[in-house]
Protein backbone atom coordinates (compact mmCIF):
# COMPACT_ATOMS: atom_id res chain seq x y z
CA MET A 1 110.55 94.45 114.98
CA LYS A 2 112.65 97.56 115.50
CA LEU A 3 112.19 100.29 112.94
CA HIS A 4 115.24 101.33 110.96
CA ALA A 5 115.60 103.98 108.30
CA VAL A 6 117.29 102.13 105.46
CA GLU A 7 118.81 103.46 102.26
CA THR A 8 117.36 102.28 98.99
CA VAL A 9 119.90 99.67 97.97
CA PHE A 10 119.74 97.01 95.32
CA PHE A 11 122.21 94.23 96.00
CA ALA A 12 124.51 92.89 93.30
CA PHE A 13 123.04 89.39 93.81
CA GLU A 14 119.71 90.89 92.63
CA ASN A 15 121.17 92.29 89.40
CA ASP A 16 119.62 89.61 87.22
CA PHE A 17 116.13 90.93 87.97
CA VAL A 18 116.37 94.50 89.33
CA ASP A 19 116.37 96.15 85.90
CA THR A 20 113.01 94.62 85.03
CA PHE A 21 111.78 94.17 88.62
CA ARG A 22 110.50 90.69 87.74
CA CYS A 23 111.12 89.69 91.39
CA ILE A 24 110.60 91.68 94.56
CA PRO A 25 113.93 93.18 95.67
CA MET A 26 115.07 92.98 99.29
CA ILE A 27 114.53 96.69 99.90
CA VAL A 28 110.84 96.28 99.03
CA ARG A 29 110.58 93.05 101.06
CA TYR A 30 112.01 94.93 104.04
CA LYS A 31 109.47 97.73 103.65
CA LEU A 32 106.63 95.22 103.26
CA ASP A 33 107.65 93.62 106.57
CA THR A 34 107.89 97.09 108.12
CA CYS A 35 104.36 98.02 107.10
CA GLY A 36 102.90 94.56 107.77
CA LEU A 37 101.75 93.66 104.25
CA LYS A 38 102.32 90.53 102.19
CA LEU A 39 102.63 91.16 98.48
CA LYS A 40 102.48 88.03 96.35
CA LEU A 41 104.47 87.68 93.14
CA PRO A 42 101.32 87.55 90.93
CA GLU A 43 100.31 90.93 92.42
CA TRP A 44 103.84 92.34 92.04
CA VAL A 45 104.07 91.46 88.34
CA LYS A 46 100.90 93.43 87.58
CA LEU A 47 102.39 96.66 88.91
CA SER A 48 104.15 98.97 86.45
CA VAL A 49 107.94 99.34 86.56
CA ALA A 50 107.45 102.92 87.79
CA GLU A 51 105.21 101.70 90.64
CA LYS A 52 107.72 99.01 91.57
CA ARG A 53 110.53 101.57 91.57
CA GLU A 54 108.37 103.84 93.74
CA LEU A 55 107.89 101.01 96.25
CA ALA A 56 111.67 100.62 96.39
CA VAL A 57 112.50 104.30 96.95
CA ARG A 58 109.46 105.50 98.92
CA PRO A 59 110.40 106.08 102.58
CA CYS A 60 108.91 103.67 105.11
CA TYR A 61 110.34 104.53 108.53
CA THR A 62 108.19 106.97 110.54
CA LYS A 63 104.58 106.21 111.44
CA GLY A 64 103.42 108.67 108.77
CA GLU A 65 105.71 107.18 106.11
CA ILE A 66 104.59 103.65 106.97
CA ASP A 67 100.93 104.68 106.71
CA GLU A 68 101.58 106.39 103.35
CA TYR A 69 103.52 103.36 102.07
CA ARG A 70 100.68 101.03 103.04
CA ARG A 71 98.09 103.28 101.38
CA TYR A 72 100.15 103.58 98.18
CA LEU A 73 100.60 99.81 97.95
CA LEU A 74 96.98 99.01 98.81
CA ASP A 75 95.74 101.50 96.21
CA ARG A 76 98.07 100.23 93.46
CA VAL A 77 97.18 96.56 94.02
CA ALA A 78 93.46 97.39 94.17
CA GLU A 79 93.78 99.25 90.84
CA ARG A 80 95.92 96.64 89.08
CA CYS A 81 94.56 93.41 90.58
CA GLY A 82 91.13 94.28 91.93
CA LYS A 83 91.99 92.81 95.31
CA THR A 84 93.34 93.65 98.73
CA VAL A 85 96.88 92.92 99.82
CA SER A 86 97.11 90.39 102.66
CA GLU A 87 98.21 91.43 106.13
CA LEU A 88 101.38 89.80 107.42
CA PRO A 89 101.31 87.88 110.68
CA PRO A 90 103.74 89.26 113.27
CA VAL A 91 107.23 89.23 111.75
CA ASP A 92 110.08 87.21 113.26
CA ALA A 93 112.71 89.93 112.89
CA ALA A 94 115.78 87.77 113.53
CA TRP A 95 117.89 90.38 111.70
CA ASP A 96 117.37 92.77 114.64
CA GLU A 97 118.98 90.36 117.12
CA LEU A 98 122.61 91.34 117.48
CA GLY A 99 123.59 89.01 120.34
CA SER A 100 124.09 86.02 118.08
CA VAL A 101 123.80 84.99 114.46
CA PRO A 102 120.38 83.43 113.79
CA THR A 103 120.44 79.63 113.62
CA GLU A 104 118.77 79.63 110.21
CA VAL A 105 121.59 81.77 108.78
CA GLN A 106 124.24 79.47 110.24
CA GLN A 107 122.42 76.42 108.89
CA LYS A 108 122.20 77.94 105.40
CA ALA A 109 125.91 78.80 105.53
CA GLN A 110 126.69 75.18 106.43
CA GLU A 111 124.38 73.93 103.67
CA TRP A 112 126.44 75.94 101.16
CA ASN A 113 129.78 74.85 102.69
CA CYS A 114 130.48 78.38 103.89
CA ALA A 115 132.24 79.17 107.16
CA PRO A 116 129.87 80.06 110.00
CA LEU A 117 129.40 83.75 110.59
CA SER A 118 130.94 85.17 113.74
CA PRO A 119 128.91 87.47 116.00
CA GLY A 120 131.38 90.22 115.05
CA GLN A 121 130.67 89.75 111.34
CA TRP A 122 126.93 89.75 112.02
CA ILE A 123 127.05 93.01 114.01
CA GLN A 124 129.13 94.73 111.30
CA LEU A 125 126.45 94.14 108.66
CA GLU A 126 123.94 96.84 107.77
CA VAL A 127 120.32 96.14 108.78
CA LEU A 128 119.29 95.46 105.17
CA GLN A 129 122.20 93.03 104.75
CA ARG A 130 121.18 91.09 107.88
CA PHE A 131 117.58 91.14 106.65
CA ALA A 132 118.66 89.74 103.28
CA LEU A 133 120.65 86.88 104.85
CA VAL A 134 117.73 85.93 107.10
CA LYS A 135 115.26 86.03 104.21
CA LEU A 136 117.59 84.04 101.95
CA SER A 137 117.92 81.45 104.73
CA ARG A 138 114.21 80.81 104.92
CA SER A 139 112.32 78.38 102.75
CA GLY A 140 110.73 79.74 99.63
CA HIS A 141 113.75 81.80 98.61
CA GLU A 142 116.20 81.00 95.89
CA GLY A 143 119.13 79.49 97.77
CA ARG A 144 121.78 80.24 95.16
CA ASN A 145 121.73 83.90 96.18
CA PHE A 146 122.79 83.13 99.77
CA PRO A 147 126.49 82.48 99.02
CA ARG A 148 126.45 85.34 96.52
CA ALA A 149 125.15 87.63 99.27
CA LEU A 150 127.87 86.47 101.68
CA ILE A 151 130.55 87.30 99.11
CA GLU A 152 128.95 90.66 98.35
CA PHE A 153 128.80 91.50 102.07
CA GLY A 154 132.48 90.62 102.49
CA ILE A 155 131.88 87.57 104.67
CA ARG A 156 133.23 84.79 102.50
């Protein structure tokens, strides 16, 4: 996984839960992958809104920032849940591959009757946008946000 400094962005397709932070927004998911931690929804819901907002805006790019992000998250979950956050296995960072659009993204586009993405469209996306499309393509994510994301990113 290549490290990228990303802006704190909340996507429009996340609007139904960003105000309350009832779900983990993509910016936090990206930072969790960056620092190698897996935060489960039952742990997330026990954090305060201020702590969730902090996890969204706190930088997580340099080695020092990543270490501080990890420590902040580990401390908050220990305080709120009395447990340790799980480590992530090595991340398949398909969003970093610019040579071709990941198969899983193309399959999800087909599943939603959307036109396949061209390599040019894929390259033009911001890192966080590519990350979001890959994550929304994988099982365990609410599929209805995939076509919404495509529209938001100007692909459909």
